């Protein structure tokens, strides 16, 4: 059969239900960073709700969950922590420089963690500890703040093994002790059990994916790192249905050459899928995503934007939230919004 159509998928929230993985990892990372790095006592673990996290993510520009986590932490620290600890800013910044001495890499993470453990008792934490259980994050959140005002107590530079403690905690929680070691060749510091990656679910039935693959070429353009994207595809036994799979690794490699951000809403990963397939008829290509940045990227790539909202049985938004989500997706360019793969097949057929 001559497949004259191409369907490119985002992964998270479209192919894979990440309600119990990525969203929960963001929440746990924020809590663990505040407790383990800054010594802040948190009484109510669920003070940061999944609904708030989704609302902030849908504001745009935060398609990558590492960026989402940095931004949430930065909002909290600049609002409730930095002003009380001005006397310690210079000394705290020295920790990063000290940790990097005589190290082969930019910063030795284990050295950094050890230095912080010896230092964090000096912090003034009273105001943030009183406020933390009642923070309404959506009210104090400003998406522009992260670019204009970054907290000196947010350690997010470098990578997992070179000093980025937010990303380190995130990856340990997400991957779990065993998979973290397999990927990074270092023992986990903060998470000693199974990763929340194991709590992900495949959204469509394999039979439905097969039916869709009979109608069109299928590809993936995701912000996941390659190893995590392939892990999910292999675990759910659907890897052979998709080519190419363009990931965060491809974005980072291209950014090294261009010195500019190529993350969504930049259309780079969609264009990369089309380029690798040498697919000519963009009017017959679709991009399926659940976030406003997905729709903007599709519009800029000149393919048909399809909004997807997965309504699972574990609670992923009220009727009002879903109506708002539909409105946002359409405002950013979605030509249609679907709720399941049967409806998606009808659109593509």
Protein backbone atom coordinates (compact mmCIF):
# COMPACT_ATOMS: atom_id res chain seq x y z
CA UNK A 1 0.00 0.00 0.00
CA UNK A 2 1.31 3.46 -0.91
CA UNK A 3 1.22 5.43 2.33
CA UNK A 4 0.77 8.99 1.22
CA UNK A 5 0.19 10.22 4.77
CA UNK A 6 2.49 10.75 7.74
CA UNK A 7 1.46 10.95 11.40
CA UNK A 8 4.12 12.24 13.79
CA UNK A 9 3.49 11.78 17.51
CA UNK A 10 4.60 13.45 20.65
CA UNK A 11 5.10 10.68 23.24
CA UNK A 12 4.13 11.86 26.70
CA UNK A 13 0.41 12.26 27.16
CA UNK A 14 -0.26 10.96 23.65
CA UNK A 15 1.30 7.53 23.28
CA UNK A 16 2.29 7.11 26.92
CA UNK A 17 0.27 8.00 30.02
CA UNK A 18 2.74 9.81 32.27
CA UNK A 19 0.28 10.88 34.97
CA UNK A 20 1.98 8.61 37.51
CA UNK A 21 5.49 9.11 36.19
CA UNK A 22 6.70 12.45 34.85
CA UNK A 23 4.10 14.61 36.59
CA UNK A 24 4.71 12.83 39.88
CA UNK A 25 8.49 13.02 39.33
CA UNK A 26 8.23 16.80 39.00
CA UNK A 27 6.39 17.00 42.31
CA UNK A 28 8.76 14.63 44.11
CA UNK A 29 11.82 16.40 42.71
CA UNK A 30 10.63 19.78 43.97
CA UNK A 31 10.01 18.33 47.44
CA UNK A 32 13.27 16.39 47.59
CA UNK A 33 15.35 19.31 46.35
CA UNK A 34 13.90 21.63 48.98
CA UNK A 35 14.48 19.06 51.73
CA UNK A 36 17.80 17.48 50.77
CA UNK A 37 19.63 20.42 49.21
CA UNK A 38 18.28 23.34 51.26
CA UNK A 39 17.17 21.54 54.42
CA UNK A 40 13.58 22.82 54.27
CA UNK A 41 11.06 20.89 56.35
CA UNK A 42 7.89 20.00 54.42
CA UNK A 43 4.94 18.65 56.39
CA UNK A 44 2.43 18.15 53.58
CA UNK A 45 4.00 16.24 50.68
CA UNK A 46 1.15 16.95 48.27
CA UNK A 47 1.12 20.73 48.71
CA UNK A 48 2.08 20.96 45.04
CA UNK A 49 -0.79 19.41 43.11
CA UNK A 50 -0.65 17.61 39.78
CA UNK A 51 -3.33 20.00 38.51
CA UNK A 52 -1.08 22.97 39.28
CA UNK A 53 1.82 21.30 37.52
CA UNK A 54 -0.33 20.66 34.43
CA UNK A 55 -1.61 24.22 34.47
CA UNK A 56 1.91 25.63 34.56
CA UNK A 57 3.09 23.24 31.84
CA UNK A 58 0.22 24.29 29.59
CA UNK A 59 1.25 27.94 29.91
CA UNK A 60 3.76 27.26 27.14
CA UNK A 61 7.52 27.10 26.77
CA UNK A 62 7.90 24.28 29.31
CA UNK A 63 7.48 21.20 27.15
CA UNK A 64 10.62 19.71 28.68
CA UNK A 65 9.90 18.49 32.22
CA UNK A 66 13.39 19.36 33.42
CA UNK A 67 12.71 22.96 32.41
CA UNK A 68 9.30 22.72 34.09
CA UNK A 69 10.93 21.57 37.34
CA UNK A 70 13.61 24.28 37.23
CA UNK A 71 10.93 26.92 36.72
CA UNK A 72 8.71 25.71 39.57
CA UNK A 73 11.65 25.58 41.98
CA UNK A 74 12.86 28.98 40.86
CA UNK A 75 9.41 30.48 41.45
CA UNK A 76 9.38 29.15 45.00
CA UNK A 77 12.95 30.13 45.84
CA UNK A 78 12.80 33.66 44.45
CA UNK A 79 9.48 34.24 46.21
CA UNK A 80 10.17 32.74 49.65
CA UNK A 81 13.84 31.88 50.16
CA UNK A 82 16.34 34.17 48.41
CA UNK A 83 15.58 37.40 50.27
CA UNK A 84 16.04 35.73 53.66
CA UNK A 85 19.43 34.33 52.71
CA UNK A 86 21.18 37.18 50.94
CA UNK A 87 24.12 36.94 53.30
CA UNK A 88 24.80 33.40 52.12
CA UNK A 89 24.48 33.85 48.37
CA UNK A 90 28.16 34.52 47.69
CA UNK A 91 29.29 31.68 49.93
CA UNK A 92 26.81 29.28 48.37
CA UNK A 93 27.98 30.12 44.87
CA UNK A 94 31.51 29.29 46.02
CA UNK A 95 30.36 25.71 46.66
CA UNK A 96 30.07 25.06 42.92
CA UNK A 97 33.54 26.40 42.27
CA UNK A 98 35.00 24.40 45.14
CA UNK A 99 33.34 21.19 43.96
CA UNK A 100 34.90 21.59 40.54
CA UNK A 101 38.49 21.81 41.75
CA UNK A 102 40.79 19.04 40.55
CA UNK A 103 37.84 17.31 38.84
CA UNK A 104 37.96 15.83 35.36
CA UNK A 105 34.45 17.12 34.71
CA UNK A 106 32.99 20.61 35.21
CA UNK A 107 31.72 19.77 38.69
CA UNK A 108 31.99 16.51 40.58
CA UNK A 109 28.45 15.85 41.80
CA UNK A 110 29.47 13.76 44.81
CA UNK A 111 31.85 16.51 45.96
CA UNK A 112 29.09 19.06 45.47
CA UNK A 113 26.59 17.07 47.54
CA UNK A 114 29.13 16.65 50.37
CA UNK A 115 29.89 20.38 50.47
CA UNK A 116 26.20 21.29 50.54
CA UNK A 117 25.51 18.88 53.41
CA UNK A 118 28.10 20.73 55.48
CA UNK A 119 26.68 24.13 54.57
CA UNK A 120 22.87 24.02 54.50
CA UNK A 121 22.47 24.29 58.29
CA UNK A 122 23.25 28.00 57.98
CA UNK A 123 20.16 28.79 55.92
CA UNK A 124 17.22 30.73 57.29
CA UNK A 125 14.19 28.60 56.47
CA UNK A 126 11.43 29.84 58.75
CA UNK A 127 9.42 31.89 56.25
CA UNK A 128 9.42 29.30 53.51
CA UNK A 129 8.56 26.51 55.95
CA UNK A 130 5.55 28.49 57.20
CA UNK A 131 4.42 29.28 53.66
CA UNK A 132 5.09 25.99 51.88
CA UNK A 133 1.92 24.12 52.80
CA UNK A 134 -0.34 26.95 51.63
CA UNK A 135 1.45 28.19 48.52
CA UNK A 136 -0.83 28.72 45.55
CA UNK A 137 1.83 28.26 42.90
CA UNK A 138 -0.36 29.30 39.98
CA UNK A 139 -0.84 32.74 41.56
CA UNK A 140 2.84 33.54 42.03
CA UNK A 141 4.04 31.83 38.84
CA UNK A 142 5.50 34.10 36.17
CA UNK A 143 6.85 32.32 33.07
CA UNK A 144 9.21 35.23 32.31
CA UNK A 145 10.78 35.21 35.76
CA UNK A 146 13.13 32.30 35.13
CA UNK A 147 14.94 34.12 32.32
CA UNK A 148 15.11 37.41 34.20
CA UNK A 149 15.72 36.27 37.78
CA UNK A 150 17.34 32.93 38.58
CA UNK A 151 17.78 31.98 42.22
CA UNK A 152 21.41 31.46 43.29
CA UNK A 153 20.15 28.48 45.31
CA UNK A 154 18.92 26.69 42.18
CA UNK A 155 21.68 24.28 41.13
CA UNK A 156 20.66 23.39 37.59
CA UNK A 157 23.74 23.98 35.46
CA UNK A 158 25.63 21.08 33.91
CA UNK A 159 24.25 17.59 33.57
CA UNK A 160 23.27 14.66 35.79
CA UNK A 161 26.84 13.70 36.66
CA UNK A 162 28.38 17.18 36.40
CA UNK A 163 26.63 19.24 39.03
CA UNK A 164 22.99 19.65 37.99
CA UNK A 165 21.35 18.59 41.23
CA UNK A 166 17.77 19.25 40.09
CA UNK A 167 18.24 17.05 37.06
CA UNK A 168 20.12 14.47 39.15
CA UNK A 169 17.23 14.09 41.59
CA UNK A 170 14.69 14.05 38.76
CA UNK A 171 16.49 11.28 36.87
CA UNK A 172 17.01 9.15 39.95
CA UNK A 173 13.32 9.30 40.86
CA UNK A 174 12.21 8.67 37.30
CA UNK A 175 14.62 5.87 36.41
CA UNK A 176 15.12 4.18 39.77
CA UNK A 177 18.35 2.84 41.24
CA UNK A 178 19.07 0.08 38.71
CA UNK A 179 18.23 1.87 35.46
CA UNK A 180 19.93 5.05 36.67
CA UNK A 181 23.17 3.10 37.16
CA UNK A 182 22.81 1.38 33.77
CA UNK A 183 22.55 4.75 32.04
CA UNK A 184 24.90 6.99 34.03
CA UNK A 185 27.34 4.47 35.54
CA UNK A 186 27.01 6.09 38.96
CA UNK A 187 25.19 4.97 42.08
CA UNK A 188 22.00 6.85 42.88
CA UNK A 189 22.33 9.31 45.77
CA UNK A 190 18.71 10.13 46.55
CA UNK A 191 16.57 7.28 45.21
CA UNK A 192 17.31 3.68 46.15
CA UNK A 193 14.16 1.95 44.86
CA UNK A 194 12.27 1.40 41.61
CA UNK A 195 11.73 4.29 39.24
CA UNK A 196 8.39 5.84 38.36
CA UNK A 197 9.12 5.03 34.72
CA UNK A 198 7.68 1.61 35.56
CA UNK A 199 4.30 3.21 36.32
CA UNK A 200 3.77 4.43 32.77
CA UNK A 201 0.96 3.03 30.64
CA UNK A 202 0.53 2.66 26.90
CA UNK A 203 -2.47 4.77 25.89
CA UNK A 204 -3.59 3.10 22.62
CA UNK A 205 -4.01 -0.64 22.15
CA UNK A 206 -1.34 -2.17 19.95
CA UNK A 207 -4.09 -3.27 17.56
CA UNK A 208 -5.16 0.33 17.09
CA UNK A 209 -1.56 1.38 16.37
CA UNK A 210 -1.37 -1.41 13.80
CA UNK A 211 -4.57 -0.17 12.17
CA UNK A 212 -3.21 3.37 12.04
CA UNK A 213 0.09 2.13 10.59
CA UNK A 214 -1.87 0.60 7.70
CA UNK A 215 -3.13 4.07 6.85
CA UNK A 216 -0.01 6.17 7.29
CA UNK A 217 3.66 6.28 8.07
CA UNK A 218 4.17 6.72 11.79
CA UNK A 219 6.97 8.70 13.40
CA UNK A 220 7.82 10.22 16.79
CA UNK A 221 9.12 13.68 17.68
CA UNK A 222 9.61 13.86 21.45
CA UNK A 223 11.50 15.82 24.05
CA UNK A 224 12.46 12.58 25.82
CA UNK A 225 16.10 11.54 25.82
CA UNK A 226 16.69 8.78 23.28
CA UNK A 227 17.39 6.02 25.78
CA UNK A 228 14.16 6.77 27.68
CA UNK A 229 12.07 6.97 24.52
CA UNK A 230 13.40 3.64 23.24
CA UNK A 231 12.98 2.04 26.67
CA UNK A 232 9.25 2.85 26.60
CA UNK A 233 8.77 1.77 22.98
CA UNK A 234 10.51 -1.55 23.62
CA UNK A 235 8.71 -2.12 26.91
CA UNK A 236 5.32 -1.65 25.24
CA UNK A 237 6.43 -3.62 22.16
CA UNK A 238 5.62 -0.86 19.66
CA UNK A 239 9.10 0.22 18.52
CA UNK A 240 8.77 -1.36 15.07
CA UNK A 241 5.76 0.78 14.17
CA UNK A 242 7.66 4.09 14.32
CA UNK A 243 10.42 5.56 12.19
CA UNK A 244 12.22 7.81 12.75
CA UNK A 245 12.20 8.50 16.48
CA UNK A 246 13.59 12.01 16.95
CA UNK A 247 14.48 12.86 20.56
CA UNK A 248 16.11 15.27 22.98
CA UNK A 249 19.49 13.88 21.92
CA UNK A 250 18.90 15.10 18.36
CA UNK A 251 17.83 18.50 19.64
CA UNK A 252 20.95 18.87 21.80
CA UNK A 253 23.24 17.79 18.96
CA UNK A 254 21.68 20.35 16.61
CA UNK A 255 21.77 23.09 19.25
CA UNK A 256 25.51 22.56 19.63
CA UNK A 257 25.88 23.55 15.98
CA UNK A 258 23.40 26.42 15.87
CA UNK A 259 23.80 27.95 19.36
CA UNK A 260 20.06 28.55 19.56
CA UNK A 261 17.15 26.79 21.24
CA UNK A 262 15.50 24.20 19.01
CA UNK A 263 13.00 22.93 21.57
CA UNK A 264 9.29 23.16 20.88
CA UNK A 265 7.61 25.39 19.85
CA UNK A 266 10.54 25.43 17.44
CA UNK A 267 9.53 22.98 14.67
CA UNK A 268 12.97 21.34 14.49
CA UNK A 269 12.01 17.81 15.58
CA UNK A 270 8.97 17.73 13.30
CA UNK A 271 11.04 18.93 10.36
CA UNK A 272 13.70 16.36 11.23
CA UNK A 273 11.16 13.52 11.00
CA UNK A 274 9.97 14.76 7.62
CA UNK A 275 13.53 15.22 6.37
CA UNK A 276 14.67 11.71 7.36
CA UNK A 277 11.68 10.19 5.59
CA UNK A 278 12.06 12.52 2.61
CA UNK A 279 8.31 13.06 2.87
CA UNK A 280 7.25 15.66 0.30
CA UNK A 281 3.56 16.42 0.87
CA UNK A 282 3.39 18.37 4.12
CA UNK A 283 -0.33 18.93 3.70
CA UNK A 284 -0.67 15.16 4.22
CA UNK A 285 1.42 15.19 7.40
CA UNK A 286 0.01 15.52 10.93
CA UNK A 287 1.54 16.20 14.32
CA UNK A 288 -0.34 14.85 17.33
CA UNK A 289 0.41 16.51 20.68
CA UNK A 290 -1.19 17.49 23.95
CA UNK A 291 0.52 20.79 24.69
CA UNK A 292 0.23 24.28 23.17
CA UNK A 293 3.89 24.20 22.13
CA UNK A 294 3.12 21.07 20.08
CA UNK A 295 0.45 22.94 18.15
CA UNK A 296 2.67 25.96 17.54
CA UNK A 297 5.49 23.72 16.34
CA UNK A 298 3.13 21.95 13.92
CA UNK A 299 1.88 25.26 12.53
CA UNK A 300 5.44 26.46 11.95
CA UNK A 301 6.34 23.13 10.33
CA UNK A 302 3.32 23.54 8.01
CA UNK A 303 1.79 20.21 8.97
CA UNK A 304 -1.72 19.64 10.34
CA UNK A 305 -1.84 20.13 14.14
CA UNK A 306 -4.00 17.61 16.01
CA UNK A 307 -4.62 18.23 19.69
CA UNK A 308 -4.90 15.14 21.86
CA UNK A 309 -6.36 15.03 25.37
CA UNK A 310 -6.23 11.69 27.16
CA UNK A 311 -8.94 11.25 29.76
CA UNK A 312 -7.70 8.42 31.97
CA UNK A 313 -9.28 6.78 34.98
CA UNK A 314 -6.79 8.19 37.48
CA UNK A 315 -7.96 11.78 37.44
CA UNK A 316 -6.34 14.13 34.97
CA UNK A 317 -8.42 17.26 35.21
CA UNK A 318 -11.95 18.48 35.80
CA UNK A 319 -14.41 19.26 33.03
CA UNK A 320 -13.46 22.92 33.36
CA UNK A 321 -9.76 22.07 33.05
CA UNK A 322 -10.42 19.98 29.95
CA UNK A 323 -12.49 22.74 28.32
CA UNK A 324 -9.69 25.20 29.02
CA UNK A 325 -7.18 22.72 27.60
CA UNK A 326 -9.21 22.39 24.40
CA UNK A 327 -9.42 26.17 24.12
CA UNK A 328 -5.66 26.60 24.56
CA UNK A 329 -4.85 23.92 21.98
CA UNK A 330 -7.18 25.49 19.44
CA UNK A 331 -5.87 28.98 20.15
CA UNK A 332 -2.35 27.73 19.41
CA UNK A 333 -3.39 26.18 16.10
CA UNK A 334 -5.06 22.80 16.63
CA UNK A 335 -7.32 22.09 13.67
CA UNK A 336 -9.12 19.42 15.68
CA UNK A 337 -8.90 18.00 19.21
CA UNK A 338 -9.43 14.26 19.75
CA UNK A 339 -9.74 12.16 22.91
CA UNK A 340 -8.85 8.69 21.65
CA UNK A 341 -7.14 6.88 18.81
CA UNK A 342 -10.36 5.77 17.16
CA UNK A 343 -11.18 9.43 16.56
CA UNK A 344 -7.62 10.03 15.39
CA UNK A 345 -8.01 7.27 12.79
CA UNK A 346 -11.14 9.00 11.50
CA UNK A 347 -9.25 12.26 11.09
CA UNK A 348 -6.37 10.62 9.24
CA UNK A 349 -8.50 8.33 7.04
